[in-house]
Structure formats: C-alpha cells, structure tokens
Amino acid sequence: AITPILALGGAYLCFEGAEKVFHALLPHADHEVEADFDVKDPAHLEEEKVAGAIKT
C-alpha cells in the first residue's frame, strides 16, 4: 500500500534532480529588471525617515 507513494516520491526527486542538472548545464537568461535608482542626498533620506517616524 505504501509502495506507490514511495514510487511517486522517488519520481518527484528524480525530476527535481534532473531539473537542477539541466539548469546547471544550460542556464537560462535572467529576467531583466528595469530599476530606476535615484541617488538621493543622505540628508534628504534622513528627513524622509524622520517625517515617516513622526507620522507613526
């Protein structure tokens, strides 16, 4: 009765292992993330933190 459950678990582990090997051999391109990093003045960032702390 437990044999089919063990077989399914083994099949799943084989799938996960094969997927890991596949991705190690043929890595796919990473998703490009468009990030707009505005470099702000540290004093301005501190003012924003203080303003947020005062509001809470």
PDB file of N, CA and C in Angstrom:
ATOM      1  N   ALA A   1       0.822  -1.198   0.000  1.00  0.00           N
ATOM      2  CA  ALA A   1       0.000   0.000   0.000  1.00  0.00           C
ATOM      3  C   ALA A   1       0.860   1.254   0.000  1.00  0.00           C
ATOM      4  N   ILE A   2       2.027   1.188   0.613  1.00  0.00           N
ATOM      5  CA  ILE A   2       2.878   2.369   0.682  1.00  0.00           C
ATOM      6  C   ILE A   2       3.824   2.459  -0.520  1.00  0.00           C
ATOM      7  N   THR A   3       3.972   1.374  -1.250  1.00  0.00           N
ATOM      8  CA  THR A   3       4.895   1.335  -2.381  1.00  0.00           C
ATOM      9  C   THR A   3       4.577   2.379  -3.449  1.00  0.00           C
ATOM     10  N   PRO A   4       3.316   2.578  -3.855  1.00  0.00           N
ATOM     11  CA  PRO A   4       3.046   3.609  -4.870  1.00  0.00           C
ATOM     12  C   PRO A   4       3.392   5.020  -4.387  1.00  0.00           C
ATOM     13  N   ILE A   5       3.174   5.279  -3.107  1.00  0.00           N
ATOM     14  CA  ILE A   5       3.506   6.600  -2.565  1.00  0.00           C
ATOM     15  C   ILE A   5       5.014   6.813  -2.599  1.00  0.00           C
ATOM     16  N   LEU A   6       5.771   5.786  -2.235  1.00  0.00           N
ATOM     17  CA  LEU A   6       7.225   5.883  -2.289  1.00  0.00           C
ATOM     18  C   LEU A   6       7.717   6.045  -3.724  1.00  0.00           C
ATOM     19  N   ALA A   7       7.073   5.362  -4.661  1.00  0.00           N
ATOM     20  CA  ALA A   7       7.453   5.479  -6.067  1.00  0.00           C
ATOM     21  C   ALA A   7       7.192   6.890  -6.579  1.00  0.00           C
ATOM     22  N   LEU A   8       6.058   7.479  -6.189  1.00  0.00           N
ATOM     23  CA  LEU A   8       5.766   8.860  -6.596  1.00  0.00           C
ATOM     24  C   LEU A   8       6.780   9.835  -6.004  1.00  0.00           C
ATOM     25  N   GLY A   9       7.146   9.632  -4.754  1.00  0.00           N
ATOM     26  CA  GLY A   9       8.152  10.487  -4.122  1.00  0.00           C
ATOM     27  C   GLY A   9       9.497  10.366  -4.810  1.00  0.00           C
ATOM     28  N   GLY A  10       9.874   9.147  -5.158  1.00  0.00           N
ATOM     29  CA  GLY A  10      11.132   8.936  -5.874  1.00  0.00           C
ATOM     30  C   GLY A  10      11.119   9.573  -7.246  1.00  0.00           C
ATOM     31  N   ALA A  11       9.986   9.472  -7.934  1.00  0.00           N
ATOM     32  CA  ALA A  11       9.873  10.097  -9.255  1.00  0.00           C
ATOM     33  C   ALA A  11       9.994  11.615  -9.145  1.00  0.00           C
ATOM     34  N   TYR A  12       9.389  12.181  -8.106  1.00  0.00           N
ATOM     35  CA  TYR A  12       9.475  13.626  -7.906  1.00  0.00           C
ATOM     36  C   TYR A  12      10.922  14.045  -7.634  1.00  0.00           C
ATOM     37  N   LEU A  13      11.625  13.290  -6.805  1.00  0.00           N
ATOM     38  CA  LEU A  13      13.018  13.615  -6.513  1.00  0.00           C
ATOM     39  C   LEU A  13      13.888  13.492  -7.760  1.00  0.00           C
ATOM     40  N   CYS A  14      13.606  12.505  -8.607  1.00  0.00           N
ATOM     41  CA  CYS A  14      14.340  12.366  -9.869  1.00  0.00           C
ATOM     42  C   CYS A  14      14.094  13.568 -10.769  1.00  0.00           C
ATOM     43  N   PHE A  15      12.845  14.017 -10.814  1.00  0.00           N
ATOM     44  CA  PHE A  15      12.508  15.191 -11.616  1.00  0.00           C
ATOM     45  C   PHE A  15      13.255  16.420 -11.114  1.00  0.00           C
ATOM     46  N   GLU A  16      13.263  16.643  -9.802  1.00  0.00           N
ATOM     47  CA  GLU A  16      13.946  17.808  -9.228  1.00  0.00           C
ATOM     48  C   GLU A  16      15.448  17.744  -9.513  1.00  0.00           C
ATOM     49  N   GLY A  17      16.040  16.567  -9.375  1.00  0.00           N
ATOM     50  CA  GLY A  17      17.465  16.418  -9.649  1.00  0.00           C
ATOM     51  C   GLY A  17      17.793  16.663 -11.104  1.00  0.00           C
ATOM     52  N   ALA A  18      16.969  16.123 -12.001  1.00  0.00           N
ATOM     53  CA  ALA A  18      17.198  16.330 -13.432  1.00  0.00           C
ATOM     54  C   ALA A  18      17.044  17.801 -13.792  1.00  0.00           C
ATOM     55  N   GLU A  19      16.080  18.471 -13.172  1.00  0.00           N
ATOM     56  CA  GLU A  19      15.884  19.896 -13.441  1.00  0.00           C
ATOM     57  C   GLU A  19      17.092  20.708 -12.972  1.00  0.00           C
ATOM     58  N   LYS A  20      17.649  20.358 -11.826  1.00  0.00           N
ATOM     59  CA  LYS A  20      18.816  21.068 -11.306  1.00  0.00           C
ATOM     60  C   LYS A  20      20.016  20.872 -12.235  1.00  0.00           C
ATOM     61  N   VAL A  21      20.217  19.646 -12.710  1.00  0.00           N
ATOM     62  CA  VAL A  21      21.317  19.372 -13.638  1.00  0.00           C
ATOM     63  C   VAL A  21      21.094  20.117 -14.946  1.00  0.00           C
ATOM     64  N   PHE A  22      19.866  20.126 -15.437  1.00  0.00           N
ATOM     65  CA  PHE A  22      19.543  20.816 -16.686  1.00  0.00           C
ATOM     66  C   PHE A  22      19.861  22.301 -16.578  1.00  0.00           C
ATOM     67  N   HIS A  23      19.472  22.922 -15.463  1.00  0.00           N
ATOM     68  CA  HIS A  23      19.732  24.349 -15.293  1.00  0.00           C
ATOM     69  C   HIS A  23      21.213  24.634 -15.058  1.00  0.00           C
ATOM     70  N   ALA A  24      21.949  23.680 -14.515  1.00  0.00           N
ATOM     71  CA  ALA A  24      23.380  23.877 -14.326  1.00  0.00           C
ATOM     72  C   ALA A  24      24.110  23.815 -15.665  1.00  0.00           C
ATOM     73  N   LEU A  25      23.654  22.940 -16.554  1.00  0.00           N
ATOM     74  CA  LEU A  25      24.313  22.790 -17.849  1.00  0.00           C
ATOM     75  C   LEU A  25      23.863  23.839 -18.857  1.00  0.00           C
ATOM     76  N   LEU A  26      22.594  24.191 -18.831  1.00  0.00           N
ATOM     77  CA  LEU A  26      22.045  25.153 -19.783  1.00  0.00           C
ATOM     78  C   LEU A  26      21.314  26.269 -19.032  1.00  0.00           C
ATOM     79  N   PRO A  27      22.072  27.198 -18.459  1.00  0.00           N
ATOM     80  CA  PRO A  27      21.398  28.261 -17.695  1.00  0.00           C
ATOM     81  C   PRO A  27      20.572  29.149 -18.613  1.00  0.00           C
ATOM     82  N   HIS A  28      19.430  29.554 -18.126  1.00  0.00           N
ATOM     83  CA  HIS A  28      18.568  30.436 -18.899  1.00  0.00           C
ATOM     84  C   HIS A  28      18.913  31.885 -18.577  1.00  0.00           C
ATOM     85  N   ALA A  29      18.522  32.779 -19.466  1.00  0.00           N
ATOM     86  CA  ALA A  29      18.801  34.196 -19.265  1.00  0.00           C
ATOM     87  C   ALA A  29      17.979  34.717 -18.094  1.00  0.00           C
ATOM     88  N   ASP A  30      18.616  35.527 -17.275  1.00  0.00           N
ATOM     89  CA  ASP A  30      17.905  36.123 -16.150  1.00  0.00           C
ATOM     90  C   ASP A  30      16.908  37.147 -16.659  1.00  0.00           C
ATOM     91  N   HIS A  31      15.878  37.344 -15.876  1.00  0.00           N
ATOM     92  CA  HIS A  31      14.898  38.360 -16.216  1.00  0.00           C
ATOM     93  C   HIS A  31      15.519  39.728 -16.005  1.00  0.00           C
ATOM     94  N   GLU A  32      15.331  40.588 -16.971  1.00  0.00           N
ATOM     95  CA  GLU A  32      15.872  41.932 -16.824  1.00  0.00           C
ATOM     96  C   GLU A  32      14.915  42.772 -15.998  1.00  0.00           C
ATOM     97  N   VAL A  33      15.471  43.451 -15.050  1.00  0.00           N
ATOM     98  CA  VAL A  33      14.673  44.301 -14.179  1.00  0.00           C
ATOM     99  C   VAL A  33      15.062  45.745 -14.451  1.00  0.00           C
ATOM    100  N   GLU A  34      14.060  46.518 -14.807  1.00  0.00           N
ATOM    101  CA  GLU A  34      14.323  47.932 -15.011  1.00  0.00           C
ATOM    102  C   GLU A  34      14.123  48.643 -13.687  1.00  0.00           C
ATOM    103  N   ALA A  35      15.211  49.079 -13.123  1.00  0.00           N
ATOM    104  CA  ALA A  35      15.131  49.757 -11.837  1.00  0.00           C
ATOM    105  C   ALA A  35      15.639  51.179 -12.009  1.00  0.00           C
ATOM    106  N   ASP A  36      14.900  52.087 -11.464  1.00  0.00           N
ATOM    107  CA  ASP A  36      15.291  53.482 -11.517  1.00  0.00           C
ATOM    108  C   ASP A  36      15.856  53.846 -10.153  1.00  0.00           C
ATOM    109  N   PHE A  37      17.168  53.803 -10.064  1.00  0.00           N
ATOM    110  CA  PHE A  37      17.813  54.108  -8.807  1.00  0.00           C
ATOM    111  C   PHE A  37      18.182  55.584  -8.783  1.00  0.00           C
ATOM    112  N   ASP A  38      17.380  56.339  -8.067  1.00  0.00           N
ATOM    113  CA  ASP A  38      17.698  57.742  -7.887  1.00  0.00           C
ATOM    114  C   ASP A  38      18.620  57.862  -6.683  1.00  0.00           C
ATOM    115  N   VAL A  39      19.780  58.428  -6.927  1.00  0.00           N
ATOM    116  CA  VAL A  39      20.709  58.643  -5.836  1.00  0.00           C
ATOM    117  C   VAL A  39      20.301  59.943  -5.158  1.00  0.00           C
ATOM    118  N   LYS A  40      19.866  59.799  -3.911  1.00  0.00           N
ATOM    119  CA  LYS A  40      19.386  60.965  -3.184  1.00  0.00           C
ATOM    120  C   LYS A  40      20.423  61.404  -2.162  1.00  0.00           C
ATOM    121  N   ASP A  41      20.288  62.633  -1.789  1.00  0.00           N
ATOM    122  CA  ASP A  41      21.132  63.214  -0.767  1.00  0.00           C
ATOM    123  C   ASP A  41      20.848  62.515   0.567  1.00  0.00           C
ATOM    124  N   PRO A  42      21.879  62.114   1.301  1.00  0.00           N
ATOM    125  CA  PRO A  42      21.643  61.442   2.586  1.00  0.00           C
ATOM    126  C   PRO A  42      20.809  62.283   3.558  1.00  0.00           C
ATOM    127  N   ALA A  43      20.972  63.590   3.504  1.00  0.00           N
ATOM    128  CA  ALA A  43      20.187  64.451   4.388  1.00  0.00           C
ATOM    129  C   ALA A  43      18.708  64.363   4.027  1.00  0.00           C
ATOM    130  N   HIS A  44      18.423  64.282   2.723  1.00  0.00           N
ATOM    131  CA  HIS A  44      17.027  64.170   2.279  1.00  0.00           C
ATOM    132  C   HIS A  44      16.423  62.836   2.729  1.00  0.00           C
ATOM    133  N   LEU A  45      17.197  61.773   2.630  1.00  0.00           N
ATOM    134  CA  LEU A  45      16.717  60.468   3.086  1.00  0.00           C
ATOM    135  C   LEU A  45      16.428  60.487   4.585  1.00  0.00           C
ATOM    136  N   GLU A  46      17.293  61.151   5.333  1.00  0.00           N
ATOM    137  CA  GLU A  46      17.080  61.242   6.776  1.00  0.00           C
ATOM    138  C   GLU A  46      15.814  62.030   7.086  1.00  0.00           C
ATOM    139  N   GLU A  47      15.571  63.102   6.339  1.00  0.00           N
ATOM    140  CA  GLU A  47      14.355  63.895   6.536  1.00  0.00           C
ATOM    141  C   GLU A  47      13.110  63.052   6.258  1.00  0.00           C
ATOM    142  N   GLU A  48      13.163  62.209   5.215  1.00  0.00           N
ATOM    143  CA  GLU A  48      12.030  61.339   4.901  1.00  0.00           C
ATOM    144  C   GLU A  48      11.782  60.338   6.030  1.00  0.00           C
ATOM    145  N   LYS A  49      12.864  59.779   6.586  1.00  0.00           N
ATOM    146  CA  LYS A  49      12.718  58.832   7.689  1.00  0.00           C
ATOM    147  C   LYS A  49      12.093  59.503   8.903  1.00  0.00           C
ATOM    148  N   VAL A  50      12.581  60.693   9.216  1.00  0.00           N
ATOM    149  CA  VAL A  50      12.062  61.408  10.381  1.00  0.00           C
ATOM    150  C   VAL A  50      10.597  61.754  10.166  1.00  0.00           C
ATOM    151  N   ALA A  51      10.259  62.213   8.959  1.00  0.00           N
ATOM    152  CA  ALA A  51       8.867  62.560   8.667  1.00  0.00           C
ATOM    153  C   ALA A  51       7.974  61.326   8.796  1.00  0.00           C
ATOM    154  N   GLY A  52       8.447  60.185   8.314  1.00  0.00           N
ATOM    155  CA  GLY A  52       7.673  58.951   8.430  1.00  0.00           C
ATOM    156  C   GLY A  52       7.530  58.506   9.874  1.00  0.00           C
ATOM    157  N   ALA A  53       8.582  58.694  10.661  1.00  0.00           N
ATOM    158  CA  ALA A  53       8.522  58.305  12.067  1.00  0.00           C
ATOM    159  C   ALA A  53       7.563  59.205  12.836  1.00  0.00           C
ATOM    160  N   ILE A  54       7.537  60.477  12.482  1.00  0.00           N
ATOM    161  CA  ILE A  54       6.636  61.405  13.166  1.00  0.00           C
ATOM    162  C   ILE A  54       5.187  61.056  12.857  1.00  0.00           C
ATOM    163  N   LYS A  55       4.915  60.636  11.621  1.00  0.00           N
ATOM    164  CA  LYS A  55       3.546  60.289  11.224  1.00  0.00           C
ATOM    165  C   LYS A  55       3.035  59.062  11.965  1.00  0.00           C
ATOM    166  N   THR A  56       3.935  58.158  12.329  1.00  0.00           N
ATOM    167  CA  THR A  56       3.502  56.949  13.031  1.00  0.00           C
ATOM    168  C   THR A  56       3.594  57.150  14.479  1.00  0.00           C
TER     169      THR A  56
END
